[in-house]
């Protein structure tokens, strides 16, 4: 399984970005996977950002609730993360992964998001 993230960039506080994550190389259809977005800053553990079940149910931590939206396009085997009202503390490398929890699954290589004035 290969996951490739894209869309990371440098933006000012209050700005928006949309990250994409495309899955390939799996024997299974993308639609059966629960999917997640995590982020990591240097010296810290991975932090859950958003997750979505194969059925479309979503879950967010309080730190991003109301600002971030996870979605999926099963026909394109692609996961999205719409990020609005970005804050400097959102600066991190963002990773997508298969699965609903941290353990197990496959991870992408990450995409850098920098929020700074």
N, C-alpha and C. Protein backbone atom coordinates (compact mmCIF):
# COMPACT_ATOMS: atom_id res chain seq x y z
N UNK A 1 0.84 -1.19 0.00
CA UNK A 1 0.00 0.00 0.00
C UNK A 1 0.88 1.24 0.00
N UNK A 2 0.58 2.15 -0.90
CA UNK A 2 1.31 3.43 -0.94
C UNK A 2 0.33 4.58 -0.72
N UNK A 3 0.72 5.50 0.13
CA UNK A 3 -0.06 6.70 0.40
C UNK A 3 0.80 7.91 0.08
N UNK A 4 0.29 8.80 -0.72
CA UNK A 4 1.05 9.99 -1.11
C UNK A 4 0.24 11.22 -0.77
N UNK A 5 0.79 12.02 0.16
CA UNK A 5 0.15 13.27 0.56
C UNK A 5 0.64 14.42 -0.31
N UNK A 6 -0.21 15.40 -0.45
CA UNK A 6 0.16 16.63 -1.16
C UNK A 6 -0.66 17.78 -0.62
N UNK A 7 -0.26 19.00 -0.96
CA UNK A 7 -1.03 20.17 -0.58
C UNK A 7 -0.43 20.99 0.54
N UNK A 8 0.62 20.49 1.19
CA UNK A 8 1.25 21.25 2.24
C UNK A 8 1.89 22.52 1.68
N UNK A 9 1.90 23.56 2.51
CA UNK A 9 2.44 24.84 2.05
C UNK A 9 2.66 25.74 3.27
N UNK A 10 3.20 26.92 3.01
CA UNK A 10 3.34 27.95 4.04
C UNK A 10 2.22 28.97 3.86
N UNK A 11 1.48 29.23 4.93
CA UNK A 11 0.37 30.18 4.87
C UNK A 11 0.41 31.08 6.09
N UNK A 12 -0.32 32.17 6.00
CA UNK A 12 -0.41 33.09 7.14
C UNK A 12 -1.51 32.63 8.09
N UNK A 13 -1.42 33.03 9.34
CA UNK A 13 -2.50 32.73 10.29
C UNK A 13 -3.85 33.19 9.75
N UNK A 14 -4.85 32.33 9.94
CA UNK A 14 -6.17 32.62 9.41
C UNK A 14 -6.40 32.08 8.02
N UNK A 15 -5.35 31.57 7.41
CA UNK A 15 -5.46 31.05 6.06
C UNK A 15 -6.02 29.65 6.01
N UNK A 16 -6.09 29.13 4.79
CA UNK A 16 -6.67 27.80 4.55
C UNK A 16 -5.76 26.98 3.66
N UNK A 17 -5.87 25.69 3.82
CA UNK A 17 -5.18 24.74 2.95
C UNK A 17 -6.04 23.50 2.81
N UNK A 18 -5.87 22.80 1.71
CA UNK A 18 -6.49 21.50 1.56
C UNK A 18 -5.41 20.47 1.25
N UNK A 19 -5.30 19.49 2.10
CA UNK A 19 -4.37 18.39 1.89
C UNK A 19 -5.09 17.24 1.20
N UNK A 20 -4.33 16.52 0.37
CA UNK A 20 -4.85 15.33 -0.31
C UNK A 20 -3.95 14.16 0.00
N UNK A 21 -4.53 12.98 -0.05
CA UNK A 21 -3.78 11.74 0.19
C UNK A 21 -4.37 10.69 -0.73
N UNK A 22 -3.54 10.18 -1.64
CA UNK A 22 -4.01 9.19 -2.60
C UNK A 22 -3.41 7.84 -2.30
N UNK A 23 -4.26 6.84 -2.29
CA UNK A 23 -3.84 5.47 -2.00
C UNK A 23 -3.69 4.69 -3.29
N UNK A 24 -2.64 3.87 -3.35
CA UNK A 24 -2.44 2.98 -4.49
C UNK A 24 -1.75 1.71 -4.02
N UNK A 25 -1.71 0.71 -4.88
CA UNK A 25 -0.97 -0.51 -4.59
C UNK A 25 -1.63 -1.46 -3.63
N UNK A 26 -2.90 -1.23 -3.33
CA UNK A 26 -3.59 -2.11 -2.40
C UNK A 26 -4.40 -3.15 -3.16
N UNK A 27 -4.49 -4.34 -2.56
CA UNK A 27 -5.33 -5.38 -3.13
C UNK A 27 -6.80 -5.11 -2.85
N UNK A 28 -7.06 -4.15 -1.97
CA UNK A 28 -8.42 -3.83 -1.56
C UNK A 28 -8.82 -2.45 -2.05
N UNK A 29 -10.10 -2.26 -2.26
CA UNK A 29 -10.60 -0.96 -2.68
C UNK A 29 -10.43 0.06 -1.55
N UNK A 30 -10.15 1.30 -1.94
CA UNK A 30 -9.99 2.37 -0.96
C UNK A 30 -11.21 2.48 -0.07
N UNK A 31 -12.36 2.19 -0.62
CA UNK A 31 -13.61 2.42 0.09
C UNK A 31 -13.76 1.60 1.36
N UNK A 32 -13.00 0.51 1.50
CA UNK A 32 -13.16 -0.32 2.69
C UNK A 32 -12.32 0.16 3.86
N UNK A 33 -11.42 1.10 3.59
CA UNK A 33 -10.50 1.55 4.62
C UNK A 33 -11.09 2.67 5.47
N UNK A 34 -10.96 2.53 6.80
CA UNK A 34 -11.04 3.71 7.65
C UNK A 34 -9.72 4.47 7.42
N UNK A 35 -9.78 5.80 7.50
CA UNK A 35 -8.59 6.60 7.22
C UNK A 35 -8.40 7.69 8.28
N UNK A 36 -7.16 8.10 8.45
CA UNK A 36 -6.86 9.10 9.47
C UNK A 36 -5.81 10.09 8.97
N UNK A 37 -5.84 11.26 9.57
CA UNK A 37 -4.77 12.25 9.43
C UNK A 37 -4.13 12.46 10.80
N UNK A 38 -2.81 12.44 10.83
CA UNK A 38 -2.04 12.76 12.03
C UNK A 38 -1.06 13.88 11.68
N UNK A 39 -0.53 14.51 12.70
CA UNK A 39 0.51 15.50 12.49
C UNK A 39 1.58 15.33 13.56
N UNK A 40 2.77 15.80 13.22
CA UNK A 40 3.90 15.68 14.15
C UNK A 40 4.78 16.90 14.04
N UNK A 41 5.19 17.42 15.19
CA UNK A 41 6.19 18.47 15.26
C UNK A 41 7.45 17.88 15.87
N UNK A 42 8.61 18.48 15.62
CA UNK A 42 9.87 17.92 16.11
C UNK A 42 9.85 17.66 17.62
N UNK A 43 10.24 16.47 18.00
CA UNK A 43 10.34 16.13 19.41
C UNK A 43 9.05 15.73 20.06
N UNK A 44 7.98 15.69 19.29
CA UNK A 44 6.68 15.33 19.86
C UNK A 44 6.12 14.10 19.17
N UNK A 45 5.17 13.46 19.84
CA UNK A 45 4.54 12.28 19.27
C UNK A 45 3.51 12.70 18.22
N UNK A 46 3.11 11.75 17.42
CA UNK A 46 2.06 12.01 16.45
C UNK A 46 0.76 12.37 17.17
N UNK A 47 0.08 13.37 16.63
CA UNK A 47 -1.19 13.82 17.19
C UNK A 47 -2.31 13.57 16.19
N UNK A 48 -3.39 12.95 16.63
CA UNK A 48 -4.53 12.74 15.75
C UNK A 48 -5.13 14.10 15.36
N UNK A 49 -5.40 14.23 14.07
CA UNK A 49 -6.01 15.46 13.55
C UNK A 49 -7.46 15.21 13.14
N UNK A 50 -7.70 14.09 12.49
CA UNK A 50 -9.05 13.76 12.04
C UNK A 50 -9.06 12.32 11.56
N UNK A 51 -10.22 11.72 11.62
CA UNK A 51 -10.35 10.37 11.10
C UNK A 51 -11.75 10.16 10.56
N UNK A 52 -11.86 9.22 9.63
CA UNK A 52 -13.12 8.96 8.97
C UNK A 52 -13.26 7.47 8.74
N UNK A 53 -14.44 6.95 9.00
CA UNK A 53 -14.68 5.53 8.78
C UNK A 53 -14.99 5.28 7.31
N UNK A 54 -15.02 4.01 6.95
CA UNK A 54 -15.38 3.65 5.58
C UNK A 54 -16.80 4.11 5.26
N UNK A 55 -17.62 4.24 6.29
CA UNK A 55 -19.00 4.67 6.11
C UNK A 55 -19.18 6.17 6.15
N UNK A 56 -18.09 6.91 6.41
CA UNK A 56 -18.16 8.36 6.37
C UNK A 56 -18.33 9.04 7.72
N UNK A 57 -18.33 8.29 8.80
CA UNK A 57 -18.39 8.91 10.12
C UNK A 57 -17.05 9.54 10.44
N UNK A 58 -17.09 10.73 11.02
CA UNK A 58 -15.86 11.47 11.27
C UNK A 58 -15.65 11.74 12.76
N UNK A 59 -14.41 12.02 13.09
CA UNK A 59 -14.05 12.29 14.48
C UNK A 59 -12.88 13.27 14.49
N UNK A 60 -12.94 14.26 15.39
CA UNK A 60 -11.91 15.28 15.49
C UNK A 60 -11.56 15.54 16.94
N UNK A 61 -10.31 15.85 17.23
CA UNK A 61 -9.98 16.33 18.57
C UNK A 61 -10.44 17.77 18.73
N UNK A 62 -10.57 18.21 19.96
CA UNK A 62 -11.05 19.57 20.22
C UNK A 62 -10.16 20.63 19.59
N UNK A 63 -8.88 20.33 19.44
CA UNK A 63 -7.93 21.32 18.94
C UNK A 63 -8.23 21.76 17.50
N UNK A 64 -8.92 20.94 16.73
CA UNK A 64 -9.20 21.29 15.33
C UNK A 64 -10.69 21.29 15.01
N UNK A 65 -11.51 20.87 15.96
CA UNK A 65 -12.95 20.77 15.70
C UNK A 65 -13.51 22.13 15.30
N UNK A 66 -14.29 22.13 14.23
CA UNK A 66 -14.86 23.37 13.72
C UNK A 66 -13.98 24.10 12.73
N UNK A 67 -12.71 23.71 12.64
CA UNK A 67 -11.78 24.35 11.70
C UNK A 67 -11.36 23.40 10.58
N UNK A 68 -11.21 22.12 10.91
CA UNK A 68 -10.76 21.12 9.95
C UNK A 68 -11.91 20.20 9.56
N UNK A 69 -11.88 19.76 8.30
CA UNK A 69 -12.88 18.83 7.81
C UNK A 69 -12.19 17.72 7.02
N UNK A 70 -12.45 16.50 7.42
CA UNK A 70 -11.93 15.35 6.70
C UNK A 70 -13.02 14.84 5.77
N UNK A 71 -12.61 14.41 4.58
CA UNK A 71 -13.56 13.85 3.62
C UNK A 71 -12.83 12.85 2.74
N UNK A 72 -13.61 12.15 1.95
CA UNK A 72 -13.00 11.13 1.09
C UNK A 72 -13.76 11.05 -0.22
N UNK A 73 -13.03 10.71 -1.26
CA UNK A 73 -13.62 10.44 -2.57
C UNK A 73 -13.19 9.02 -2.93
N UNK A 74 -14.06 8.08 -2.68
CA UNK A 74 -13.69 6.68 -2.90
C UNK A 74 -13.44 6.39 -4.37
N UNK A 75 -14.11 7.06 -5.26
CA UNK A 75 -13.89 6.84 -6.69
C UNK A 75 -12.49 7.25 -7.11
N UNK A 76 -11.91 8.19 -6.39
CA UNK A 76 -10.55 8.66 -6.71
C UNK A 76 -9.51 8.10 -5.75
N UNK A 77 -9.95 7.24 -4.84
CA UNK A 77 -9.03 6.67 -3.83
C UNK A 77 -8.26 7.76 -3.10
N UNK A 78 -8.96 8.82 -2.77
CA UNK A 78 -8.30 10.00 -2.21
C UNK A 78 -8.99 10.47 -0.94
N UNK A 79 -8.18 10.81 0.02
CA UNK A 79 -8.59 11.37 1.30
C UNK A 79 -8.22 12.84 1.31
N UNK A 80 -9.06 13.66 1.92
CA UNK A 80 -8.80 15.09 1.98
C UNK A 80 -8.83 15.58 3.42
N UNK A 81 -8.14 16.70 3.62
CA UNK A 81 -8.23 17.42 4.89
C UNK A 81 -8.31 18.90 4.55
N UNK A 82 -9.49 19.47 4.75
CA UNK A 82 -9.69 20.89 4.55
C UNK A 82 -9.39 21.59 5.87
N UNK A 83 -8.46 22.53 5.83
CA UNK A 83 -8.03 23.21 7.06
C UNK A 83 -8.29 24.71 6.91
N UNK A 84 -9.10 25.24 7.78
CA UNK A 84 -9.44 26.66 7.78
C UNK A 84 -9.01 27.31 9.09
N UNK A 85 -8.94 28.63 9.07
CA UNK A 85 -8.57 29.40 10.27
C UNK A 85 -7.31 28.84 10.90
N UNK A 86 -6.32 28.64 10.08
CA UNK A 86 -5.08 28.03 10.54
C UNK A 86 -4.37 28.91 11.55
N UNK A 87 -3.74 28.24 12.52
CA UNK A 87 -3.02 28.90 13.59
C UNK A 87 -1.55 28.49 13.54
N UNK A 88 -0.66 29.29 14.11
CA UNK A 88 0.76 28.89 14.14
C UNK A 88 0.96 27.51 14.78
N UNK A 89 0.16 27.18 15.76
CA UNK A 89 0.31 25.88 16.41
C UNK A 89 -0.14 24.70 15.54
N UNK A 90 -0.71 24.99 14.38
CA UNK A 90 -1.03 23.93 13.42
C UNK A 90 0.18 23.55 12.57
N UNK A 91 1.27 24.29 12.72
CA UNK A 91 2.48 23.98 11.98
C UNK A 91 2.99 22.59 12.35
N UNK A 92 3.18 21.75 11.34
CA UNK A 92 3.59 20.36 11.57
C UNK A 92 3.75 19.66 10.24
N UNK A 93 4.28 18.46 10.30
CA UNK A 93 4.22 17.56 9.15
C UNK A 93 2.94 16.74 9.30
N UNK A 94 2.14 16.72 8.26
CA UNK A 94 0.85 16.04 8.28
C UNK A 94 0.97 14.72 7.52
N UNK A 95 0.47 13.67 8.14
CA UNK A 95 0.52 12.33 7.58
C UNK A 95 -0.89 11.75 7.45
N UNK A 96 -1.12 11.05 6.38
CA UNK A 96 -2.33 10.25 6.31
C UNK A 96 -1.96 8.80 6.56
N UNK A 97 -2.92 8.02 7.01
CA UNK A 97 -2.68 6.61 7.24
C UNK A 97 -3.98 5.84 7.06
N UNK A 98 -3.83 4.58 6.77
CA UNK A 98 -4.98 3.70 6.76
C UNK A 98 -5.28 3.29 8.20
N UNK A 99 -6.55 3.08 8.49
CA UNK A 99 -6.94 2.67 9.82
C UNK A 99 -7.45 3.81 10.66
N UNK A 100 -8.22 3.46 11.68
CA UNK A 100 -8.87 4.46 12.53
C UNK A 100 -8.03 4.85 13.73
N UNK A 101 -7.08 3.99 14.09
CA UNK A 101 -6.24 4.22 15.26
C UNK A 101 -4.78 4.35 14.86
N UNK A 102 -3.97 4.74 15.83
CA UNK A 102 -2.56 5.00 15.56
C UNK A 102 -1.81 3.73 15.15
N UNK A 103 -2.07 2.65 15.86
CA UNK A 103 -1.32 1.41 15.63
C UNK A 103 -1.82 0.69 14.38
N UNK A 104 -0.89 0.08 13.69
CA UNK A 104 -1.24 -0.66 12.49
C UNK A 104 -1.45 0.25 11.30
N UNK A 105 -1.73 -0.37 10.16
CA UNK A 105 -1.99 0.39 8.95
C UNK A 105 -0.73 0.87 8.27
N UNK A 106 -0.92 1.63 7.21
CA UNK A 106 0.18 2.17 6.43
C UNK A 106 0.16 3.69 6.51
N UNK A 107 1.36 4.27 6.45
CA UNK A 107 1.53 5.72 6.56
C UNK A 107 2.08 6.30 5.26
N UNK A 108 1.69 7.53 4.99
CA UNK A 108 2.30 8.27 3.91
C UNK A 108 3.62 8.88 4.36
N UNK A 109 4.25 9.62 3.45
CA UNK A 109 5.56 10.20 3.74
C UNK A 109 5.46 11.54 4.43
N UNK A 110 4.27 12.13 4.44
CA UNK A 110 4.07 13.40 5.12
C UNK A 110 4.18 14.60 4.20
N UNK A 111 3.49 15.67 4.59
CA UNK A 111 3.55 16.94 3.86
C UNK A 111 3.62 18.06 4.89
N UNK A 112 4.50 19.02 4.65
CA UNK A 112 4.76 20.08 5.62
C UNK A 112 3.73 21.20 5.51
N UNK A 113 3.18 21.57 6.65
CA UNK A 113 2.30 22.74 6.75
C UNK A 113 2.96 23.72 7.72
N UNK A 114 3.16 24.93 7.25
CA UNK A 114 3.76 25.98 8.07
C UNK A 114 2.82 27.17 8.13
N UNK A 115 2.47 27.57 9.34
CA UNK A 115 1.57 28.71 9.53
C UNK A 115 2.35 29.80 10.26
N UNK A 116 2.62 30.87 9.55
CA UNK A 116 3.47 31.92 10.10
C UNK A 116 3.20 33.23 9.39
N UNK A 117 3.32 34.32 10.14
CA UNK A 117 3.17 35.63 9.53
C UNK A 117 4.54 36.16 9.11
